[in-house]
Amino acid sequence: MTEPIKPKPKKPRGVAKLLDGKCIACGARCQSACPVNAVDMTDSGEPVILTDKCIGCLKCVKICPAEALEMYFTPEEQKILAELASSALPVEEDIDPEAVALAKMLAGYQGVWVFVEQTEGEPAKVSWELLGVGKGLAASLGVELCAMVIGDQVEHLCMEAFAHGASKVYLLDAPLYRNYRTEAYVEGCCHLIEQYKPEIILMGATGMGRDLAGAVATRVGTGLTADCTGLAIDDKRNLMQTRPAFGGNIMATIMCDKFRPQMSTVRPNVMPMPERREGARGTIVRDTFVVPEETILTKVIEIIRDAKSKGAVDITGAEFIISGGRGMMGPDNFAMLQELADELGGVVGASRSAVDAGWMPGDRQVGQTGKTVRPKIYIACGISGAIQHLVGMQDSDMVIAINRDKSAPIFEVATYGIVGDLFQIVPAITRRIRELKQQRK
């Protein structure tokens, strides 16, 4: 007679238990993670585990940021665990169907995409910067770096995308996409996402990028982290998205680990420009998707260029920037900075306090709520150096700070610091530069 086959012993699951003094009242994350409503919360924000309901799924334990929860096993369950540990019998592990479904869904998305922003065929520089950082992300994941180009008669941008690192370009080229309209571009982006399933999408944090990214993320039901200053990949293929938080006082790293694609926007000049590879080639995937024109509510009748745009100053592309802050004492004193800027072939910038005071226009503002710059030389005059300003200029090749307060935070990031009266120092620098120019003649 054959012996009856013994069933595989089942590993006890136990129940969750709160460790005394470790809960930090993080906001009921454990309660929200519990699939069987086995967690109640006290008035002080600590969890109460309903042991008769707990199924030992570990979800509350895994999500707790303070490791304040652990699994508790009865003496009988501990005995079974000890027997299983000492025996060679295979153990029947419980399979979490939710985790299996999530892993299957995540595995269906692959590739790093960069949206190539363009206006009337003219690309935004931030698109190429994103291809540079995207190349590193794609290498970490072992996937392709792709570009997404949408417009009318914009196939030349595919060649530029290859030159800046992309190996494949998804192209929607039709008269419908001639001018940017949220509805049309959202429909086009969502079609490509549904069809080809990228795991990461990067867009510039420009007017167009911010409008499009938010609408696309909402439509596809995923997360979006705005104004990122750092991007990296963790050991679970999640995109670690770093950005300033709480008014720029801390840097937060955000992950979207249960949804795809992972989406981020990055401001211009935050990421370095990749080296251009002349003659680089790749694959163009031409998609013919269009939506009927009559379904697009917005119509572009005429494009009127801002009369000020010809004379406007783009500080993001300047190699020399002389910025003034509250220490300038008034709008008239910025003429002194303009003289120095003229001698250096640079432009004048400003801190938020100077812009808010009406001393300089908003397009000159450097900082978290202004523009991010990467000049060769950044001269900060009368700027204390709040973190919100430092975020916008800390990647400058050289920072020269001029301030009366020797303990001003700006000196912590300055390459060279001058403690003194800027109303004497700046004119002296300007005069010296003029003298050096005359000597060269």
Protein backbone atom coordinates (compact mmCIF):
# COMPACT_ATOMS: atom_id res chain seq x y z
CA MET A 1 0.00 0.00 0.00
CA THR A 2 1.19 3.50 -0.76
CA GLU A 3 1.27 5.96 2.07
CA PRO A 4 -1.21 8.82 1.77
CA ILE A 5 0.37 12.08 0.61
CA LYS A 6 0.64 14.49 3.50
CA PRO A 7 -0.53 18.01 2.74
CA LYS A 8 2.15 20.69 2.76
CA PRO A 9 2.22 22.45 6.13
CA LYS A 10 0.85 25.98 5.92
CA LYS A 11 2.93 28.78 7.35
CA PRO A 12 1.06 30.79 10.04
CA ARG A 13 0.40 34.39 9.11
CA GLY A 14 0.01 35.87 12.60
CA VAL A 15 -1.58 39.23 13.33
CA ALA A 16 -0.20 42.78 13.35
CA LYS A 17 0.89 44.30 16.66
CA LEU A 18 1.82 47.89 17.61
CA LEU A 19 5.21 48.41 19.30
CA ASP A 20 5.03 50.73 22.30
CA GLY A 21 6.41 54.22 21.83
CA LYS A 22 7.31 53.87 18.13
CA CYS A 23 4.22 55.27 16.34
CA ILE A 24 4.78 58.76 14.90
CA ALA A 25 1.12 59.40 13.94
CA CYS A 26 2.01 59.64 10.24
CA GLY A 27 -1.58 60.05 9.11
CA ALA A 28 -3.22 56.61 9.28
CA ARG A 29 -1.21 55.01 6.47
CA CYS A 30 -1.61 51.60 8.10
CA GLN A 31 -5.38 52.02 8.24
CA SER A 32 -5.59 53.00 4.58
CA ALA A 33 -3.42 50.02 3.56
CA CYS A 34 -5.47 47.39 5.42
CA PRO A 35 -7.72 45.48 2.96
CA VAL A 36 -10.08 44.10 5.65
CA ASN A 37 -10.64 47.20 7.84
CA ALA A 38 -8.79 45.65 10.77
CA VAL A 39 -7.17 48.92 11.89
CA ASP A 40 -8.89 51.62 13.94
CA MET A 41 -7.24 54.89 14.96
CA THR A 42 -7.17 56.56 18.36
CA ASP A 43 -7.64 60.30 18.83
CA SER A 44 -3.87 60.64 19.15
CA GLY A 45 -3.34 59.01 15.74
CA GLU A 46 -2.14 55.59 16.89
CA PRO A 47 -3.50 52.37 15.33
CA VAL A 48 -5.59 49.80 17.20
CA ILE A 49 -5.37 46.36 15.57
CA LEU A 50 -8.64 44.38 15.55
CA THR A 51 -7.09 40.94 15.91
CA ASP A 52 -10.33 39.10 15.09
CA LYS A 53 -10.28 40.75 11.64
CA CYS A 54 -6.52 40.80 10.90
CA ILE A 55 -5.46 38.33 8.19
CA GLY A 56 -1.70 38.84 8.59
CA CYS A 57 -1.20 40.24 5.09
CA LEU A 58 1.75 42.44 6.23
CA LYS A 59 0.53 45.48 4.27
CA CYS A 60 0.31 47.70 7.35
CA VAL A 61 3.75 46.52 8.51
CA LYS A 62 5.35 47.30 5.15
CA ILE A 63 3.82 50.76 4.78
CA CYS A 64 4.69 52.01 8.28
CA PRO A 65 7.52 54.59 7.94
CA ALA A 66 8.53 54.23 11.61
CA GLU A 67 8.56 50.41 11.72
CA ALA A 68 6.09 50.66 14.59
CA LEU A 69 4.20 47.47 13.61
CA GLU A 70 5.33 43.87 13.67
CA MET A 71 3.71 40.44 13.30
CA TYR A 72 2.67 38.62 16.48
CA PHE A 73 2.42 34.82 16.65
CA THR A 74 0.77 32.74 19.37
CA PRO A 75 2.87 30.09 21.16
CA GLU A 76 1.19 27.41 19.02
CA GLU A 77 2.03 29.33 15.83
CA GLN A 78 5.60 29.86 17.01
CA LYS A 79 5.91 26.10 17.54
CA ILE A 80 4.73 25.45 13.96
CA LEU A 81 7.22 28.03 12.65
CA ALA A 82 10.03 26.36 14.58
CA GLU A 83 9.07 22.94 13.18
CA LEU A 84 8.96 24.29 9.65
CA ALA A 85 12.36 25.93 10.10
CA SER A 86 13.93 22.68 11.29
CA SER A 87 12.27 20.42 8.72
CA ALA A 88 13.04 20.03 5.04
CA LEU A 89 9.37 19.94 4.08
CA PRO A 90 8.23 22.45 1.48
CA VAL A 91 6.05 25.17 2.92
CA GLU A 92 2.90 26.40 1.24
CA GLU A 93 3.21 30.14 1.07
CA ASP A 94 0.16 32.34 0.80
CA ILE A 95 0.04 34.18 -2.50
CA ASP A 96 -1.23 37.75 -2.44
CA PRO A 97 -3.35 38.02 -5.60
CA GLU A 98 -3.21 41.82 -5.39
CA ALA A 99 0.59 41.81 -5.40
CA VAL A 100 0.65 39.34 -8.30
CA ALA A 101 -1.72 41.52 -10.33
CA LEU A 102 0.34 44.64 -9.57
CA ALA A 103 3.59 42.95 -10.62
CA LYS A 104 1.98 41.80 -13.87
CA MET A 105 0.68 45.29 -14.62
CA LEU A 106 4.04 46.95 -13.92
CA ALA A 107 5.86 44.43 -16.12
CA GLY A 108 3.67 45.47 -19.07
CA TYR A 109 5.28 48.94 -19.20
CA GLN A 110 8.78 49.51 -20.54
CA GLY A 111 10.91 52.34 -21.84
CA VAL A 112 11.83 55.94 -20.99
CA TRP A 113 10.07 58.62 -23.06
CA VAL A 114 10.79 62.33 -23.40
CA PHE A 115 8.17 64.68 -24.82
CA VAL A 116 9.81 66.98 -27.38
CA GLU A 117 8.13 70.34 -26.99
CA GLN A 118 7.99 72.54 -30.07
CA THR A 119 6.31 75.71 -31.26
CA GLU A 120 5.92 76.11 -35.02
CA GLY A 121 8.69 73.56 -35.50
CA GLU A 122 11.12 75.26 -33.10
CA PRO A 123 12.08 72.87 -30.27
CA ALA A 124 12.34 73.85 -26.62
CA LYS A 125 15.89 73.40 -25.31
CA VAL A 126 14.61 71.63 -22.20
CA SER A 127 13.59 68.66 -24.39
CA TRP A 128 17.23 67.93 -25.22
CA GLU A 129 18.23 68.38 -21.57
CA LEU A 130 15.65 65.76 -20.63
CA LEU A 131 17.04 63.35 -23.22
CA GLY A 132 20.38 63.70 -21.45
CA VAL A 133 19.02 62.67 -18.04
CA GLY A 134 16.68 60.16 -19.69
CA LYS A 135 19.65 58.34 -21.17
CA GLY A 136 20.99 57.60 -17.71
CA LEU A 137 17.59 56.40 -16.49
CA ALA A 138 17.18 54.14 -19.53
CA ALA A 139 20.66 52.66 -18.97
CA SER A 140 19.81 51.90 -15.33
CA LEU A 141 16.63 50.12 -16.41
CA GLY A 142 18.15 48.42 -19.44
CA VAL A 143 15.53 49.85 -21.79
CA GLU A 144 15.32 52.16 -24.82
CA LEU A 145 15.38 55.94 -24.61
CA CYS A 146 12.57 57.23 -26.80
CA ALA A 147 11.23 60.63 -27.80
CA MET A 148 7.62 61.62 -28.46
CA VAL A 149 7.18 64.24 -31.19
CA ILE A 150 3.78 65.77 -31.94
CA GLY A 151 3.17 68.52 -34.49
CA ASP A 152 2.79 69.31 -38.19
CA GLN A 153 5.77 68.86 -40.52
CA VAL A 154 8.07 68.20 -37.57
CA GLU A 155 9.93 65.11 -38.76
CA HIS A 156 13.19 67.08 -38.63
CA LEU A 157 12.87 67.02 -34.85
CA CYS A 158 13.22 63.24 -34.96
CA MET A 159 16.74 63.68 -36.34
CA GLU A 160 17.53 66.15 -33.56
CA ALA A 161 16.19 63.71 -30.98
CA PHE A 162 18.54 60.99 -32.32
CA ALA A 163 21.42 63.45 -32.16
CA HIS A 164 20.70 64.08 -28.47
CA GLY A 165 20.52 60.42 -27.47
CA ALA A 166 17.14 58.91 -28.42
CA SER A 167 17.15 55.55 -30.19
CA LYS A 168 13.48 55.63 -31.19
CA VAL A 169 10.94 58.39 -31.86
CA TYR A 170 7.15 58.06 -31.76
CA LEU A 171 5.81 60.60 -34.25
CA LEU A 172 2.33 62.11 -34.64
CA ASP A 173 2.59 64.41 -37.66
CA ALA A 174 -0.66 65.95 -38.92
CA PRO A 175 -2.22 69.40 -39.54
CA LEU A 176 -4.42 68.83 -36.47
CA TYR A 177 -1.32 69.21 -34.29
CA ARG A 178 0.07 72.34 -35.98
CA ASN A 179 -0.67 74.55 -32.97
CA TYR A 180 -0.66 73.34 -29.38
CA ARG A 181 -4.16 72.69 -28.09
CA THR A 182 -4.58 70.79 -24.84
CA GLU A 183 -7.37 68.51 -26.05
CA ALA A 184 -5.64 67.43 -29.26
CA TYR A 185 -2.25 66.83 -27.64
CA VAL A 186 -3.76 64.98 -24.66
CA GLU A 187 -5.63 62.65 -27.02
CA GLY A 188 -2.45 62.05 -29.02
CA CYS A 189 -0.28 61.41 -25.95
CA CYS A 190 -2.82 59.08 -24.33
CA HIS A 191 -3.15 57.11 -27.57
CA LEU A 192 0.61 56.56 -27.74
CA ILE A 193 0.79 55.65 -24.05
CA GLU A 194 -2.01 53.12 -24.36
CA GLN A 195 -0.52 51.66 -27.52
CA TYR A 196 3.16 51.41 -26.52
CA LYS A 197 3.12 51.56 -22.67
CA PRO A 198 6.21 53.53 -21.54
CA GLU A 199 7.20 53.19 -17.87
CA ILE A 200 8.58 56.74 -17.55
CA ILE A 201 7.57 60.00 -19.28
CA LEU A 202 9.53 63.24 -18.83
CA MET A 203 8.28 66.69 -19.86
CA GLY A 204 9.64 70.21 -19.49
CA ALA A 205 8.13 72.31 -16.72
CA THR A 206 7.21 75.05 -19.19
CA GLY A 207 3.80 76.57 -19.83
CA MET A 208 3.01 73.86 -22.37
CA GLY A 209 4.60 71.02 -20.41
CA ARG A 210 2.83 71.82 -17.16
CA ASP A 211 -0.52 72.06 -18.93
CA LEU A 212 -0.06 68.85 -20.90
CA ALA A 213 1.54 66.70 -18.18
CA GLY A 214 -1.21 67.33 -15.65
CA ALA A 215 -3.97 66.57 -18.14
CA VAL A 216 -2.28 63.39 -19.41
CA ALA A 217 -1.57 62.09 -15.88
CA THR A 218 -5.20 62.64 -14.92
CA ARG A 219 -6.45 60.89 -18.05
CA VAL A 220 -4.28 57.78 -17.71
CA GLY A 221 -4.73 57.64 -13.92
CA THR A 222 -1.15 57.95 -12.74
CA GLY A 223 0.98 60.20 -10.54
CA LEU A 224 2.91 63.30 -11.59
CA THR A 225 5.77 65.03 -9.78
CA ALA A 226 6.32 68.62 -10.87
CA ASP A 227 9.51 70.72 -11.00
CA CYS A 228 11.94 67.89 -10.27
CA THR A 229 15.57 68.72 -9.63
CA GLY A 230 16.84 65.13 -9.47
CA LEU A 231 15.85 61.80 -11.06
CA ALA A 232 17.18 58.29 -10.35
CA ILE A 233 16.09 54.63 -10.35
CA ASP A 234 15.78 52.46 -7.22
CA ASP A 235 16.28 48.69 -7.00
CA LYS A 236 12.60 48.03 -7.78
CA ARG A 237 12.59 49.98 -11.07
CA ASN A 238 10.79 52.90 -9.46
CA LEU A 239 11.62 56.45 -10.52
CA MET A 240 12.93 58.45 -7.55
CA GLN A 241 11.76 62.01 -8.20
CA THR A 242 13.39 64.71 -6.07
CA ARG A 243 11.93 68.19 -5.78
CA PRO A 244 11.84 71.10 -3.30
CA ALA A 245 9.00 70.87 -0.77
CA PHE A 246 7.56 73.03 2.01
CA GLY A 247 8.51 76.24 0.25
CA GLY A 248 11.93 74.91 -0.72
CA ASN A 249 13.02 74.27 2.88
CA ILE A 250 13.51 70.54 2.30
CA MET A 251 14.07 68.24 -0.66
CA ALA A 252 11.48 65.46 -0.99
CA THR A 253 11.92 62.25 -2.98
CA ILE A 254 8.62 60.99 -4.40
CA MET A 255 7.86 57.63 -6.01
CA CYS A 256 4.88 56.29 -7.93
CA ASP A 257 5.31 52.58 -7.21
CA LYS A 258 1.82 51.28 -8.00
CA PHE A 259 0.93 53.11 -11.20
CA ARG A 260 2.43 53.49 -14.67
CA PRO A 261 3.66 55.43 -16.45
CA GLN A 262 5.70 57.42 -13.92
CA MET A 263 5.59 61.08 -14.95
CA SER A 264 7.82 64.03 -14.06
CA THR A 265 8.28 67.59 -15.23
CA VAL A 266 11.69 69.29 -15.03
CA ARG A 267 12.39 73.00 -15.34
CA PRO A 268 14.70 74.31 -18.08
CA ASN A 269 18.42 74.54 -17.20
CA VAL A 270 18.14 72.14 -14.25
CA MET A 271 19.68 69.21 -16.14
CA PRO A 272 22.91 69.50 -18.16
CA MET A 273 22.71 69.57 -21.94
CA PRO A 274 23.94 66.27 -23.46
CA GLU A 275 26.65 66.24 -26.07
CA ARG A 276 25.21 66.32 -29.58
CA ARG A 277 26.07 63.30 -31.75
CA GLU A 278 26.17 64.35 -35.39
CA GLY A 279 24.79 61.79 -37.82
CA ALA A 280 23.13 59.62 -35.15
CA ARG A 281 20.24 57.53 -36.44
CA GLY A 282 17.34 55.64 -34.93
CA THR A 283 13.88 54.25 -35.58
CA ILE A 284 10.89 56.46 -36.34
CA VAL A 285 7.51 54.96 -35.42
CA ARG A 286 4.97 56.94 -37.46
CA ASP A 287 1.47 56.77 -35.98
CA THR A 288 -1.47 58.12 -37.97
CA PHE A 289 -3.76 58.73 -35.00
CA VAL A 290 -5.85 61.92 -35.21
CA VAL A 291 -9.11 62.99 -33.67
CA PRO A 292 -11.82 64.75 -35.71
CA GLU A 293 -11.27 68.51 -35.79
CA GLU A 294 -14.90 69.13 -34.85
CA THR A 295 -14.38 67.38 -31.49
CA ILE A 296 -11.68 69.89 -30.47
CA LEU A 297 -13.39 72.76 -28.70
CA THR A 298 -10.44 75.16 -28.92
CA LYS A 299 -9.68 76.79 -32.28
CA VAL A 300 -6.53 78.79 -33.04
CA ILE A 301 -7.61 81.72 -35.21
CA GLU A 302 -4.37 83.69 -35.26
CA ILE A 303 -1.01 83.72 -33.50
CA ILE A 304 -0.03 87.23 -32.39
CA ARG A 305 3.53 87.65 -31.23
CA ASP A 306 4.05 89.76 -28.11
CA ALA A 307 5.42 93.12 -29.18
CA LYS A 308 7.73 93.03 -26.17
CA SER A 309 9.18 89.67 -27.12
CA LYS A 310 11.73 91.13 -29.53
CA GLY A 311 13.22 93.28 -26.83
CA ALA A 312 12.69 90.86 -23.97
CA VAL A 313 15.68 89.38 -22.20
CA ASP A 314 15.93 85.62 -21.77
CA ILE A 315 18.06 85.23 -18.67
CA THR A 316 18.04 81.41 -18.95
CA GLY A 317 20.46 81.50 -21.87
CA ALA A 318 22.86 84.14 -20.52
CA GLU A 319 26.47 83.28 -19.71
CA PHE A 320 26.87 86.20 -17.28
CA ILE A 321 24.11 87.25 -14.88
CA ILE A 322 24.31 90.09 -12.37
CA SER A 323 21.37 89.76 -9.97
CA GLY A 324 20.11 92.20 -7.39
CA GLY A 325 18.05 91.63 -4.29
CA ARG A 326 16.51 93.62 -1.47
CA GLY A 327 19.93 95.09 -0.71
CA MET A 328 19.69 97.20 -3.89
CA MET A 329 17.39 99.52 -1.91
CA GLY A 330 15.36 100.65 -4.91
CA PRO A 331 14.71 100.28 -8.67
CA ASP A 332 17.02 103.11 -9.74
CA ASN A 333 20.06 101.34 -8.33
CA PHE A 334 19.67 98.46 -10.82
CA ALA A 335 21.18 100.81 -13.44
CA MET A 336 24.49 100.19 -11.68
CA LEU A 337 24.09 96.45 -12.26
CA GLN A 338 23.16 97.07 -15.91
CA GLU A 339 26.43 98.94 -16.43
CA LEU A 340 28.39 95.95 -15.15
CA ALA A 341 26.28 93.59 -17.24
CA ASP A 342 26.97 95.65 -20.36
CA GLU A 343 30.71 95.46 -19.76
CA LEU A 344 30.55 91.67 -19.33
CA GLY A 345 28.09 91.05 -22.15
CA GLY A 346 25.57 89.70 -19.65
CA VAL A 347 22.08 90.43 -18.34
CA VAL A 348 20.55 91.66 -15.10
CA GLY A 349 18.51 89.31 -12.95
CA ALA A 350 16.68 89.72 -9.66
CA SER A 351 15.54 87.89 -6.56
CA ARG A 352 11.87 87.44 -5.74
CA SER A 353 11.92 90.22 -3.16
CA ALA A 354 13.15 92.69 -5.80
CA VAL A 355 10.50 91.56 -8.28
CA ASP A 356 7.73 91.65 -5.66
CA ALA A 357 8.78 95.20 -4.79
CA GLY A 358 8.31 96.18 -8.45
CA TRP A 359 11.97 97.02 -8.98
CA MET A 360 12.41 94.51 -11.82
CA PRO A 361 10.00 92.68 -14.20
CA GLY A 362 8.95 89.11 -13.48
CA ASP A 363 10.85 87.64 -16.43
CA ARG A 364 14.13 88.57 -14.67
CA GLN A 365 13.35 86.60 -11.50
CA VAL A 366 15.76 83.80 -10.58
CA GLY A 367 14.63 81.12 -8.15
CA GLN A 368 12.09 78.45 -7.38
CA THR A 369 9.14 80.59 -8.48
CA GLY A 370 11.16 82.29 -11.22
CA LYS A 371 13.67 80.84 -13.67
CA THR A 372 16.48 78.35 -13.26
CA VAL A 373 19.79 79.52 -14.72
CA ARG A 374 23.21 77.94 -15.36
CA PRO A 375 25.50 80.84 -16.38
CA LYS A 376 29.29 80.75 -16.42
CA ILE A 377 29.34 83.54 -13.81
CA TYR A 378 26.51 84.55 -11.47
CA ILE A 379 27.07 87.72 -9.41
CA ALA A 380 24.62 88.08 -6.51
CA CYS A 381 24.40 91.66 -5.24
CA GLY A 382 22.52 92.31 -2.01
CA ILE A 383 20.91 88.86 -2.08
CA SER A 384 20.78 87.03 1.24
CA GLY A 385 20.51 83.57 -0.33
CA ALA A 386 17.19 82.03 0.73
CA ILE A 387 16.83 78.41 -0.37
CA GLN A 388 14.13 79.42 -2.87
CA HIS A 389 16.68 81.60 -4.69
CA LEU A 390 19.53 79.11 -4.41
CA VAL A 391 17.45 76.44 -6.17
CA GLY A 392 17.42 78.64 -9.27
CA MET A 393 21.15 79.47 -9.51
CA GLN A 394 23.19 76.95 -7.51
CA ASP A 395 24.35 75.11 -10.66
CA SER A 396 26.16 78.19 -12.01
CA ASP A 397 29.80 77.50 -12.93
CA MET A 398 30.95 80.33 -10.66
CA VAL A 399 29.04 82.30 -8.03
CA ILE A 400 30.31 85.66 -6.76
CA ALA A 401 28.40 87.05 -3.77
CA ILE A 402 28.49 90.65 -2.58
CA ASN A 403 26.77 91.35 0.73
CA ARG A 404 27.30 93.38 3.89
CA ASP A 405 26.21 90.48 6.12
CA LYS A 406 29.12 88.04 6.43
CA SER A 407 26.75 85.35 7.73
CA ALA A 408 24.37 85.56 4.74
CA PRO A 409 23.48 82.07 3.38
CA ILE A 410 24.57 83.10 -0.12
CA PHE A 411 28.20 82.79 0.97
CA GLU A 412 27.70 79.06 1.61
CA VAL A 413 27.30 78.40 -2.13
CA ALA A 414 29.53 81.20 -3.41
CA THR A 415 32.80 80.46 -5.17
CA TYR A 416 34.03 83.91 -4.11
CA GLY A 417 32.48 86.13 -1.46
CA ILE A 418 32.94 89.87 -0.92
CA VAL A 419 31.75 91.29 2.40
CA GLY A 420 31.14 95.00 1.99
CA ASP A 421 29.04 97.79 0.53
CA LEU A 422 27.85 96.77 -2.94
CA PHE A 423 27.36 100.46 -3.86
CA GLN A 424 31.14 100.84 -3.68
CA ILE A 425 32.17 97.36 -4.82
CA VAL A 426 30.07 97.05 -8.00
CA PRO A 427 31.17 100.40 -9.53
CA ALA A 428 34.79 99.52 -8.65
CA ILE A 429 34.50 96.20 -10.51
CA THR A 430 32.92 97.97 -13.50
CA ARG A 431 35.72 100.55 -13.62
CA ARG A 432 38.40 97.86 -13.40
CA ILE A 433 36.87 95.88 -16.27
CA ARG A 434 36.79 99.03 -18.41
CA GLU A 435 40.45 99.68 -17.62
CA LEU A 436 41.42 96.16 -18.61
CA LYS A 437 39.53 96.54 -21.89
CA GLN A 438 41.34 99.79 -22.64
CA GLN A 439 44.71 98.17 -21.95
CA ARG A 440 43.95 95.38 -24.42
CA LYS A 441 43.21 97.96 -27.11
